[in-house]
C-alpha atoms as a PDB file:
ATOM      1  CA  MET A   1      20.530 -41.673  11.724  1.00  0.00           C
ATOM      2  CA  PRO A   2      18.231 -39.765   9.773  1.00  0.00           C
ATOM      3  CA  TYR A   3      18.438 -40.130   5.362  1.00  0.00           C
ATOM      4  CA  ASN A   4      19.546 -37.046   3.441  1.00  0.00           C
ATOM      5  CA  LYS A   5      18.910 -39.215   0.562  1.00  0.00           C
ATOM      6  CA  HIS A   6      16.416 -41.960  -1.312  1.00  0.00           C
ATOM      7  CA  SER A   7      19.827 -43.586  -2.531  1.00  0.00           C
ATOM      8  CA  GLU A   8      19.760 -44.142   1.921  1.00  0.00           C
ATOM      9  CA  LEU A   9      16.454 -45.979   2.773  1.00  0.00           C
ATOM     10  CA  PRO A  10      16.325 -49.477   3.231  1.00  0.00           C
ATOM     11  CA  ASP A  11      15.566 -51.703   0.856  1.00  0.00           C
ATOM     12  CA  SER A  12      12.469 -52.367   1.677  1.00  0.00           C
ATOM     13  CA  VAL A  13      11.483 -48.561   1.377  1.00  0.00           C
ATOM     14  CA  LYS A  14      13.935 -47.754  -2.342  1.00  0.00           C
ATOM     15  CA  ASP A  15      12.884 -51.126  -4.460  1.00  0.00           C
ATOM     16  CA  THR A  16       9.054 -50.795  -3.669  1.00  0.00           C
ATOM     17  CA  LEU A  17       7.994 -46.659  -3.340  1.00  0.00           C
ATOM     18  CA  PRO A  18       7.375 -45.371  -6.232  1.00  0.00           C
ATOM     19  CA  ALA A  19      10.079 -41.501  -5.919  1.00  0.00           C
ATOM     20  CA  HIS A  20       7.047 -39.044  -3.794  1.00  0.00           C
ATOM     21  CA  ALA A  21       6.489 -41.995  -1.721  1.00  0.00           C
ATOM     22  CA  GLN A  22       9.529 -42.531  -0.831  1.00  0.00           C
ATOM     23  CA  ASP A  23       9.816 -38.597   0.498  1.00  0.00           C
ATOM     24  CA  ILE A  24       6.597 -38.656   2.161  1.00  0.00           C
ATOM     25  CA  TYR A  25       9.050 -41.791   4.679  1.00  0.00           C
ATOM     26  CA  GLN A  26      11.963 -40.048   3.996  1.00  0.00           C
ATOM     27  CA  ALA A  27      10.595 -36.793   5.892  1.00  0.00           C
ATOM     28  CA  ALA A  28       8.309 -38.588   8.260  1.00  0.00           C
ATOM     29  CA  PHE A  29      10.958 -40.240  10.084  1.00  0.00           C
ATOM     30  CA  ASN A  30      13.542 -38.089  10.079  1.00  0.00           C
ATOM     31  CA  ASN A  31      10.999 -36.371  11.819  1.00  0.00           C
ATOM     32  CA  ALA A  32      10.393 -38.877  14.538  1.00  0.00           C
ATOM     33  CA  TRP A  33      13.745 -39.779  14.409  1.00  0.00           C
ATOM     34  CA  ASP A  34      13.896 -36.291  16.131  1.00  0.00           C
ATOM     35  CA  GLU A  35      10.795 -36.690  17.910  1.00  0.00           C
ATOM     36  CA  TYR A  36      11.292 -39.343  19.882  1.00  0.00           C
ATOM     37  CA  ALA A  37      14.880 -39.129  20.593  1.00  0.00           C
ATOM     38  CA  ASP A  38      13.429 -39.272  24.572  1.00  0.00           C
ATOM     39  CA  PRO A  39      12.632 -42.411  25.962  1.00  0.00           C
ATOM     40  CA  ASP A  40       9.951 -41.459  27.831  1.00  0.00           C
ATOM     41  CA  LYS A  41       8.168 -39.774  24.394  1.00  0.00           C
ATOM     42  CA  ARG A  42       7.922 -43.968  23.210  1.00  0.00           C
ATOM     43  CA  ARG A  43       5.500 -46.477  23.904  1.00  0.00           C
ATOM     44  CA  GLY A  44       6.609 -50.130  25.020  1.00  0.00           C
ATOM     45  CA  ASP A  45      10.299 -50.792  24.656  1.00  0.00           C
ATOM     46  CA  ASP A  46      10.462 -49.985  20.623  1.00  0.00           C
ATOM     47  CA  SER A  47      13.978 -48.598  20.041  1.00  0.00           C
ATOM     48  CA  ARG A  48      14.076 -45.019  18.925  1.00  0.00           C
ATOM     49  CA  GLU A  49      14.335 -46.056  15.061  1.00  0.00           C
ATOM     50  CA  GLU A  50      11.797 -48.472  15.050  1.00  0.00           C
ATOM     51  CA  VAL A  51       9.540 -46.345  15.972  1.00  0.00           C
ATOM     52  CA  ALA A  52      10.989 -43.814  13.558  1.00  0.00           C
ATOM     53  CA  HIS A  53      10.777 -46.476  10.717  1.00  0.00           C
ATOM     54  CA  LYS A  54       6.673 -47.200  12.037  1.00  0.00           C
ATOM     55  CA  VAL A  55       6.301 -43.991  11.560  1.00  0.00           C
ATOM     56  CA  ALA A  56       7.394 -43.330   8.148  1.00  0.00           C
ATOM     57  CA  TRP A  57       4.925 -46.149   7.042  1.00  0.00           C
ATOM     58  CA  ALA A  58       2.994 -45.333   8.349  1.00  0.00           C
ATOM     59  CA  ALA A  59       2.329 -41.356   6.749  1.00  0.00           C
ATOM     60  CA  VAL A  60       2.826 -43.608   4.153  1.00  0.00           C
ATOM     61  CA  LYS A  61       0.113 -44.875   3.835  1.00  0.00           C
ATOM     62  CA  GLN A  62      -2.220 -41.983   4.563  1.00  0.00           C
ATOM     63  CA  SER A  63      -1.817 -41.346   1.200  1.00  0.00           C
ATOM     64  CA  TYR A  64      -0.389 -44.284  -0.913  1.00  0.00           C
ATOM     65  CA  GLU A  65      -1.516 -48.386  -1.005  1.00  0.00           C
ATOM     66  CA  LYS A  66      -1.651 -51.770  -2.578  1.00  0.00           C
ATOM     67  CA  ASN A  67      -3.381 -52.809  -6.006  1.00  0.00           C
ATOM     68  CA  GLU A  68      -4.177 -56.046  -6.372  1.00  0.00           C
ATOM     69  CA  ALA A  69      -0.313 -56.751  -8.125  1.00  0.00           C
ATOM     70  CA  GLY A  70       0.720 -55.244  -5.281  1.00  0.00           C
ATOM     71  CA  LYS A  71       2.340 -52.098  -6.387  1.00  0.00           C
ATOM     72  CA  TRP A  72       2.169 -49.635  -4.030  1.00  0.00           C
ATOM     73  CA  VAL A  73      -0.016 -46.478  -5.562  1.00  0.00           C
ATOM     74  CA  LYS A  74      -1.065 -43.175  -4.468  1.00  0.00           C
ATOM     75  CA  LYS A  75      -4.540 -43.330  -3.234  1.00  0.00           C
END
């Protein structure tokens, strides 16, 4: 279930992340969705979707962080 546009992203993403961070999330999720299609490539019992979300959040956290007010800002 790759995402084609920002409006399809989960509320936890589209309601909290800036547009550029949403781009990062979407690209990382879609890439991980393809990369981890084979269960043998995943660690543990996580589903394909769970792994893709984890990868996407990790990608966002490379460039963004939460500030004191709880807003996501570029590092």
